[in-house]
């Protein structure tokens, strides 16, 4: 039986004003990447060559922030991107999109995974190895949510006031 890959919908890609808490005209820089990682059988582990996309997207995002003089946000962005991208790989539908938007006062991270399953913040016990990702996102991000179609999870980080 063949499995289909959910296409990257234009609504998630283009209409950020439907779900991100900043207006499209305020965006100073917009990086949008998509890779087809292919579906994997339920319960199977993510192949190493696929998991490496998390690090690639983190490094690309860090370079963008460095370019804009936002070095102070790199560590937080990398943690947030790691959590959202890893969820996308674990629970997604064979595609992985990473979008980084930069405005004058915030950055937005959007991860598209083609799945309509909504991530949940939950408490993991001290013995569990997984289950803390969205708790970390909820704690670290200024805000977070899910696109109206459920296929993208986003978060924002406020840019601290710059010292003159």
C-alpha atoms as a PDB file:
ATOM      1  CA  UNK A   1       0.000   0.000   0.000  1.00  0.00           C
ATOM      2  CA  UNK A   2       1.460   3.372  -0.951  1.00  0.00           C
ATOM      3  CA  UNK A   3       1.371   6.322   1.395  1.00  0.00           C
ATOM      4  CA  UNK A   4       0.828   9.820   0.131  1.00  0.00           C
ATOM      5  CA  UNK A   5       2.780  12.831   1.300  1.00  0.00           C
ATOM      6  CA  UNK A   6       0.742  15.829   2.357  1.00  0.00           C
ATOM      7  CA  UNK A   7       1.561  18.770   0.062  1.00  0.00           C
ATOM      8  CA  UNK A   8       2.868  22.032   1.502  1.00  0.00           C
ATOM      9  CA  UNK A   9      -0.309  24.125   1.408  1.00  0.00           C
ATOM     10  CA  UNK A  10      -0.182  27.713   0.253  1.00  0.00           C
ATOM     11  CA  UNK A  11      -2.391  28.699   3.185  1.00  0.00           C
ATOM     12  CA  UNK A  12       0.218  27.659   5.734  1.00  0.00           C
ATOM     13  CA  UNK A  13       3.067  29.079   3.691  1.00  0.00           C
ATOM     14  CA  UNK A  14       1.656  32.450   2.674  1.00  0.00           C
ATOM     15  CA  UNK A  15      -1.070  33.538   5.096  1.00  0.00           C
ATOM     16  CA  UNK A  16       0.918  34.063   8.275  1.00  0.00           C
ATOM     17  CA  UNK A  17      -1.469  36.793   9.364  1.00  0.00           C
ATOM     18  CA  UNK A  18      -4.060  34.061   9.934  1.00  0.00           C
ATOM     19  CA  UNK A  19      -2.079  32.567  12.787  1.00  0.00           C
ATOM     20  CA  UNK A  20       1.108  34.429  13.703  1.00  0.00           C
ATOM     21  CA  UNK A  21       0.722  37.406  16.041  1.00  0.00           C
ATOM     22  CA  UNK A  22       2.394  39.876  13.678  1.00  0.00           C
ATOM     23  CA  UNK A  23       1.376  41.410  10.386  1.00  0.00           C
ATOM     24  CA  UNK A  24       3.015  40.266   7.132  1.00  0.00           C
ATOM     25  CA  UNK A  25       4.056  43.832   6.307  1.00  0.00           C
ATOM     26  CA  UNK A  26       6.157  43.920   9.506  1.00  0.00           C
ATOM     27  CA  UNK A  27       8.366  41.037   8.325  1.00  0.00           C
ATOM     28  CA  UNK A  28      11.927  42.179   7.592  1.00  0.00           C
ATOM     29  CA  UNK A  29      13.270  38.748   6.615  1.00  0.00           C
ATOM     30  CA  UNK A  30      11.514  35.503   5.762  1.00  0.00           C
ATOM     31  CA  UNK A  31      13.329  32.208   5.311  1.00  0.00           C
ATOM     32  CA  UNK A  32      11.184  29.281   4.188  1.00  0.00           C
ATOM     33  CA  UNK A  33      12.555  25.767   3.586  1.00  0.00           C
ATOM     34  CA  UNK A  34      10.824  22.468   2.901  1.00  0.00           C
ATOM     35  CA  UNK A  35      12.137  18.935   2.609  1.00  0.00           C
ATOM     36  CA  UNK A  36      10.297  15.758   1.787  1.00  0.00           C
ATOM     37  CA  UNK A  37      11.438  13.265   4.384  1.00  0.00           C
ATOM     38  CA  UNK A  38       9.031  10.533   3.346  1.00  0.00           C
ATOM     39  CA  UNK A  39       6.550   8.687   5.499  1.00  0.00           C
ATOM     40  CA  UNK A  40       7.796   6.117   7.980  1.00  0.00           C
ATOM     41  CA  UNK A  41       6.008   3.197   9.579  1.00  0.00           C
ATOM     42  CA  UNK A  42       4.325   3.963  12.888  1.00  0.00           C
ATOM     43  CA  UNK A  43       6.595   3.190  15.818  1.00  0.00           C
ATOM     44  CA  UNK A  44       9.784   3.124  13.761  1.00  0.00           C
ATOM     45  CA  UNK A  45      12.690   5.404  14.606  1.00  0.00           C
ATOM     46  CA  UNK A  46      13.614   8.420  12.499  1.00  0.00           C
ATOM     47  CA  UNK A  47      16.522   7.544  10.179  1.00  0.00           C
ATOM     48  CA  UNK A  48      19.755   9.402  10.940  1.00  0.00           C
ATOM     49  CA  UNK A  49      19.893  11.058   7.502  1.00  0.00           C
ATOM     50  CA  UNK A  50      16.403  12.452   8.144  1.00  0.00           C
ATOM     51  CA  UNK A  51      17.089  13.536  11.732  1.00  0.00           C
ATOM     52  CA  UNK A  52      20.060  15.569  10.491  1.00  0.00           C
ATOM     53  CA  UNK A  53      17.613  18.120   9.063  1.00  0.00           C
ATOM     54  CA  UNK A  54      16.986  19.379  12.591  1.00  0.00           C
ATOM     55  CA  UNK A  55      20.619  20.453  12.938  1.00  0.00           C
ATOM     56  CA  UNK A  56      20.746  21.863   9.415  1.00  0.00           C
ATOM     57  CA  UNK A  57      17.710  24.063   9.978  1.00  0.00           C
ATOM     58  CA  UNK A  58      19.043  25.187  13.377  1.00  0.00           C
ATOM     59  CA  UNK A  59      22.347  26.247  11.805  1.00  0.00           C
ATOM     60  CA  UNK A  60      20.580  28.066   8.961  1.00  0.00           C
ATOM     61  CA  UNK A  61      18.396  29.890  11.509  1.00  0.00           C
ATOM     62  CA  UNK A  62      21.422  30.810  13.634  1.00  0.00           C
ATOM     63  CA  UNK A  63      23.168  32.252  10.564  1.00  0.00           C
ATOM     64  CA  UNK A  64      20.090  34.369   9.780  1.00  0.00           C
ATOM     65  CA  UNK A  65      19.936  35.721  13.331  1.00  0.00           C
ATOM     66  CA  UNK A  66      23.677  36.424  13.293  1.00  0.00           C
ATOM     67  CA  UNK A  67      23.222  38.320  10.002  1.00  0.00           C
ATOM     68  CA  UNK A  68      20.627  40.554  11.699  1.00  0.00           C
ATOM     69  CA  UNK A  69      22.754  41.120  14.824  1.00  0.00           C
ATOM     70  CA  UNK A  70      20.464  38.976  16.971  1.00  0.00           C
ATOM     71  CA  UNK A  71      23.139  36.758  18.524  1.00  0.00           C
ATOM     72  CA  UNK A  72      21.425  36.995  21.934  1.00  0.00           C
ATOM     73  CA  UNK A  73      18.475  34.972  20.573  1.00  0.00           C
ATOM     74  CA  UNK A  74      20.435  32.200  18.870  1.00  0.00           C
ATOM     75  CA  UNK A  75      20.479  29.738  21.777  1.00  0.00           C
ATOM     76  CA  UNK A  76      16.749  30.113  22.476  1.00  0.00           C
ATOM     77  CA  UNK A  77      15.898  29.888  18.773  1.00  0.00           C
ATOM     78  CA  UNK A  78      17.969  26.719  18.438  1.00  0.00           C
ATOM     79  CA  UNK A  79      16.223  25.051  21.387  1.00  0.00           C
ATOM     80  CA  UNK A  80      12.765  26.041  20.128  1.00  0.00           C
ATOM     81  CA  UNK A  81      13.530  24.984  16.564  1.00  0.00           C
ATOM     82  CA  UNK A  82      14.924  21.665  17.806  1.00  0.00           C
ATOM     83  CA  UNK A  83      11.787  20.879  19.785  1.00  0.00           C
ATOM     84  CA  UNK A  84       9.343  21.829  17.016  1.00  0.00           C
ATOM     85  CA  UNK A  85      11.353  20.158  14.244  1.00  0.00           C
ATOM     86  CA  UNK A  86      11.797  16.968  16.251  1.00  0.00           C
ATOM     87  CA  UNK A  87       8.043  16.833  16.863  1.00  0.00           C
ATOM     88  CA  UNK A  88       7.539  17.367  13.136  1.00  0.00           C
ATOM     89  CA  UNK A  89       9.771  14.409  12.342  1.00  0.00           C
ATOM     90  CA  UNK A  90       8.235  12.153  14.983  1.00  0.00           C
ATOM     91  CA  UNK A  91       4.578  12.918  14.337  1.00  0.00           C
ATOM     92  CA  UNK A  92       4.498  14.433  10.838  1.00  0.00           C
ATOM     93  CA  UNK A  93       3.295  13.186   7.496  1.00  0.00           C
ATOM     94  CA  UNK A  94       6.478  12.895   5.427  1.00  0.00           C
ATOM     95  CA  UNK A  95       7.300  16.572   4.897  1.00  0.00           C
ATOM     96  CA  UNK A  96       9.181  18.988   7.111  1.00  0.00           C
ATOM     97  CA  UNK A  97       9.002  22.738   6.627  1.00  0.00           C
ATOM     98  CA  UNK A  98      10.989  25.314   8.571  1.00  0.00           C
ATOM     99  CA  UNK A  99      10.217  29.001   8.409  1.00  0.00           C
ATOM    100  CA  UNK A 100      12.013  31.777  10.263  1.00  0.00           C
ATOM    101  CA  UNK A 101      10.512  35.256  10.191  1.00  0.00           C
ATOM    102  CA  UNK A 102      12.221  38.322  11.600  1.00  0.00           C
ATOM    103  CA  UNK A 103      10.444  41.555  12.465  1.00  0.00           C
ATOM    104  CA  UNK A 104      11.720  44.622  14.301  1.00  0.00           C
ATOM    105  CA  UNK A 105      10.493  43.299  17.646  1.00  0.00           C
ATOM    106  CA  UNK A 106      10.131  39.510  17.338  1.00  0.00           C
ATOM    107  CA  UNK A 107      11.175  36.401  15.495  1.00  0.00           C
ATOM    108  CA  UNK A 108       8.741  33.711  14.464  1.00  0.00           C
ATOM    109  CA  UNK A 109       9.531  30.038  13.996  1.00  0.00           C
ATOM    110  CA  UNK A 110       7.063  27.931  12.025  1.00  0.00           C
ATOM    111  CA  UNK A 111       7.381  24.184  11.526  1.00  0.00           C
ATOM    112  CA  UNK A 112       5.112  22.499   9.005  1.00  0.00           C
ATOM    113  CA  UNK A 113       4.769  18.725   9.278  1.00  0.00           C
ATOM    114  CA  UNK A 114       1.629  17.922   7.286  1.00  0.00           C
ATOM    115  CA  UNK A 115      -0.113  16.386  10.298  1.00  0.00           C
ATOM    116  CA  UNK A 116      -3.300  17.683  11.871  1.00  0.00           C
ATOM    117  CA  UNK A 117      -2.321  16.279  15.275  1.00  0.00           C
ATOM    118  CA  UNK A 118      -2.033  19.191  17.689  1.00  0.00           C
ATOM    119  CA  UNK A 119       0.954  19.156  20.055  1.00  0.00           C
ATOM    120  CA  UNK A 120       0.161  19.255  23.758  1.00  0.00           C
ATOM    121  CA  UNK A 121       2.044  20.597  26.742  1.00  0.00           C
ATOM    122  CA  UNK A 122       2.277  17.779  29.251  1.00  0.00           C
ATOM    123  CA  UNK A 123       4.219  16.927  32.342  1.00  0.00           C
ATOM    124  CA  UNK A 124       6.680  14.074  31.960  1.00  0.00           C
ATOM    125  CA  UNK A 125       7.776  12.022  34.930  1.00  0.00           C
ATOM    126  CA  UNK A 126      11.430  12.089  35.980  1.00  0.00           C
ATOM    127  CA  UNK A 127      11.932   8.602  34.505  1.00  0.00           C
ATOM    128  CA  UNK A 128      10.469   9.379  31.057  1.00  0.00           C
ATOM    129  CA  UNK A 129      12.972  10.097  28.297  1.00  0.00           C
ATOM    130  CA  UNK A 130      10.449  11.997  26.131  1.00  0.00           C
ATOM    131  CA  UNK A 131       7.498  14.305  26.557  1.00  0.00           C
ATOM    132  CA  UNK A 132       9.050  17.601  27.610  1.00  0.00           C
ATOM    133  CA  UNK A 133       9.314  19.315  24.225  1.00  0.00           C
ATOM    134  CA  UNK A 134       6.173  21.419  24.245  1.00  0.00           C
ATOM    135  CA  UNK A 135       6.701  22.215  27.936  1.00  0.00           C
ATOM    136  CA  UNK A 136      10.069  23.690  26.931  1.00  0.00           C
ATOM    137  CA  UNK A 137       8.466  25.597  24.041  1.00  0.00           C
ATOM    138  CA  UNK A 138       5.714  26.905  26.339  1.00  0.00           C
ATOM    139  CA  UNK A 139       8.305  28.039  28.897  1.00  0.00           C
ATOM    140  CA  UNK A 140      10.871  29.567  26.541  1.00  0.00           C
ATOM    141  CA  UNK A 141       8.764  31.138  23.775  1.00  0.00           C
ATOM    142  CA  UNK A 142       6.966  34.453  24.091  1.00  0.00           C
ATOM    143  CA  UNK A 143       3.931  32.819  22.486  1.00  0.00           C
ATOM    144  CA  UNK A 144       3.116  29.655  20.548  1.00  0.00           C
ATOM    145  CA  UNK A 145       0.237  28.030  18.741  1.00  0.00           C
ATOM    146  CA  UNK A 146      -0.924  25.976  15.801  1.00  0.00           C
ATOM    147  CA  UNK A 147      -2.051  27.121  12.341  1.00  0.00           C
ATOM    148  CA  UNK A 148      -5.789  26.951  11.615  1.00  0.00           C
ATOM    149  CA  UNK A 149      -5.349  23.824   9.478  1.00  0.00           C
ATOM    150  CA  UNK A 150      -3.320  22.170  12.267  1.00  0.00           C
ATOM    151  CA  UNK A 151      -0.376  21.384  10.002  1.00  0.00           C
ATOM    152  CA  UNK A 152       2.053  23.980  11.354  1.00  0.00           C
ATOM    153  CA  UNK A 153       3.200  24.732  14.879  1.00  0.00           C
ATOM    154  CA  UNK A 154       4.664  28.158  15.511  1.00  0.00           C
ATOM    155  CA  UNK A 155       6.300  30.123  18.277  1.00  0.00           C
ATOM    156  CA  UNK A 156       7.677  33.616  18.743  1.00  0.00           C
ATOM    157  CA  UNK A 157      10.543  35.157  20.657  1.00  0.00           C
ATOM    158  CA  UNK A 158      10.549  38.832  21.561  1.00  0.00           C
ATOM    159  CA  UNK A 159      13.633  40.750  20.498  1.00  0.00           C
ATOM    160  CA  UNK A 160      15.071  42.582  23.516  1.00  0.00           C
ATOM    161  CA  UNK A 161      15.420  46.347  23.216  1.00  0.00           C
ATOM    162  CA  UNK A 162      18.757  47.126  21.593  1.00  0.00           C
ATOM    163  CA  UNK A 163      21.309  49.131  23.556  1.00  0.00           C
ATOM    164  CA  UNK A 164      22.557  52.282  21.797  1.00  0.00           C
END
